[in-house]
Amino acid sequence: MTMRMMIMTNKNPSIEECIFDCMDDFRPWTYWKLKEVIYNRHGKFYGEPTISAGIRNIRKTRHREKFNLPMTGEVVIKERIIDSKGYTFRLSPEILNHWRKHAD
């Protein structure tokens, strides 16, 4: 069962599960887009501070284990939005290599 399937069957996903459900496409996400998609997919409303904390939590050991992420290195890449305020966040492409190595 994939992580997305696990999250989709969970009736009360955590903020970290909601964020991971969005970010597992490896595209850049803003706080505002995450807030919108989480509300549309899961019916949960989170503000930017809560989403920021959830992104930080994904970097922690407990969530690295839960989402089968590498235990070392950066798993969330933060990039400034050019000519604008704010940042985008995306999962590191290195995660795909990790998943391929541990798919057996």
Protein backbone atom coordinates (compact mmCIF):
# COMPACT_ATOMS: atom_id res chain seq x y z
CA MET A 1 0.00 0.00 0.00
CA THR A 2 1.42 3.40 -0.97
CA MET A 3 1.72 6.30 1.45
CA ARG A 4 -0.97 8.20 -0.47
CA MET A 5 -3.37 5.25 -0.13
CA MET A 6 -2.63 5.03 3.61
CA ILE A 7 -3.33 8.74 4.05
CA MET A 8 -6.46 8.65 1.92
CA THR A 9 -7.92 5.80 4.02
CA ASN A 10 -7.04 7.54 7.29
CA LYS A 11 -10.20 9.37 8.40
CA ASN A 12 -8.26 11.83 10.54
CA PRO A 13 -4.83 12.42 8.96
CA SER A 14 -2.27 14.50 10.85
CA ILE A 15 -0.98 17.79 9.45
CA GLU A 16 2.23 15.99 8.43
CA GLU A 17 0.24 13.32 6.56
CA CYS A 18 -1.79 16.01 4.79
CA ILE A 19 1.36 17.89 3.78
CA PHE A 20 3.10 14.72 2.61
CA ASP A 21 -0.01 13.77 0.63
CA CYS A 22 0.39 17.02 -1.30
CA MET A 23 4.16 17.13 -1.56
CA ASP A 24 4.70 13.54 -2.70
CA ASP A 25 4.47 14.79 -6.29
CA PHE A 26 7.88 16.51 -5.77
CA ARG A 27 6.60 19.84 -7.15
CA PRO A 28 7.16 23.16 -5.35
CA TRP A 29 4.38 24.16 -2.93
CA THR A 30 3.66 27.42 -1.12
CA TYR A 31 1.99 27.63 2.28
CA TRP A 32 -1.07 29.11 0.58
CA LYS A 33 -1.40 26.33 -2.00
CA LEU A 34 -0.87 23.65 0.66
CA LYS A 35 -3.58 25.27 2.79
CA GLU A 36 -6.01 25.25 -0.15
CA VAL A 37 -5.34 21.68 -1.28
CA ILE A 38 -5.39 20.26 2.25
CA TYR A 39 -8.78 21.88 2.80
CA ASN A 40 -10.11 20.54 -0.54
CA ARG A 41 -8.75 16.98 -0.07
CA HIS A 42 -9.17 16.49 3.66
CA GLY A 43 -11.64 19.16 4.79
CA LYS A 44 -9.12 20.51 7.30
CA PHE A 45 -8.14 24.15 7.63
CA TYR A 46 -4.62 24.95 8.81
CA GLY A 47 -2.94 28.35 8.96
CA GLU A 48 0.55 29.09 7.70
CA PRO A 49 2.24 28.66 11.13
CA THR A 50 0.77 25.17 11.51
CA ILE A 51 1.77 24.20 7.97
CA SER A 52 5.27 25.55 8.61
CA ALA A 53 5.53 23.42 11.77
CA GLY A 54 4.27 20.38 9.86
CA ILE A 55 6.96 20.86 7.20
CA ARG A 56 9.61 21.10 9.93
CA ASN A 57 8.24 17.95 11.55
CA ILE A 58 8.61 15.96 8.31
CA ARG A 59 12.37 16.49 8.72
CA LYS A 60 12.36 14.79 12.13
CA THR A 61 13.33 11.16 12.70
CA ARG A 62 9.82 9.97 13.60
CA HIS A 63 8.34 11.22 10.33
CA ARG A 64 11.34 10.16 8.25
CA GLU A 65 10.67 6.64 9.49
CA LYS A 66 6.91 6.92 8.98
CA PHE A 67 7.20 8.15 5.38
CA ASN A 68 10.24 5.97 4.53
CA LEU A 69 12.52 8.98 3.99
CA PRO A 70 16.32 8.95 4.17
CA MET A 71 17.59 9.33 7.74
CA THR A 72 20.33 11.75 6.66
CA GLY A 73 20.39 14.71 4.33
CA GLU A 74 17.72 17.24 3.51
CA VAL A 75 14.30 15.85 2.68
CA VAL A 76 12.46 19.17 2.19
CA ILE A 77 13.96 21.82 -0.07
CA LYS A 78 13.07 25.43 0.67
CA GLU A 79 13.48 27.96 -2.16
CA ARG A 80 12.73 31.70 -2.23
CA ILE A 81 10.07 32.75 -4.74
CA ILE A 82 11.79 35.01 -7.29
CA ASP A 83 10.50 38.60 -7.34
CA SER A 84 8.01 37.85 -4.59
CA LYS A 85 7.70 37.30 -0.87
CA GLY A 86 7.64 33.82 0.48
CA TYR A 87 9.10 30.43 -0.26
CA THR A 88 8.26 27.21 -1.98
CA PHE A 89 8.82 23.80 -0.43
CA ARG A 90 9.27 20.48 -2.17
CA LEU A 91 10.49 17.02 -1.35
CA SER A 92 14.07 16.35 -2.33
CA PRO A 93 14.50 14.27 -5.49
CA GLU A 94 17.00 12.17 -3.50
CA ILE A 95 14.00 10.58 -1.82
CA LEU A 96 13.16 8.81 -5.09
CA ASN A 97 16.62 7.17 -5.09
CA HIS A 98 16.10 6.13 -1.48
CA TRP A 99 12.70 4.62 -2.31
CA ARG A 100 14.13 2.75 -5.32
CA LYS A 101 16.96 1.30 -3.21
CA HIS A 102 14.55 0.18 -0.50
CA ALA A 103 11.76 -1.08 -2.75
CA ASP A 104 12.88 -4.68 -2.41
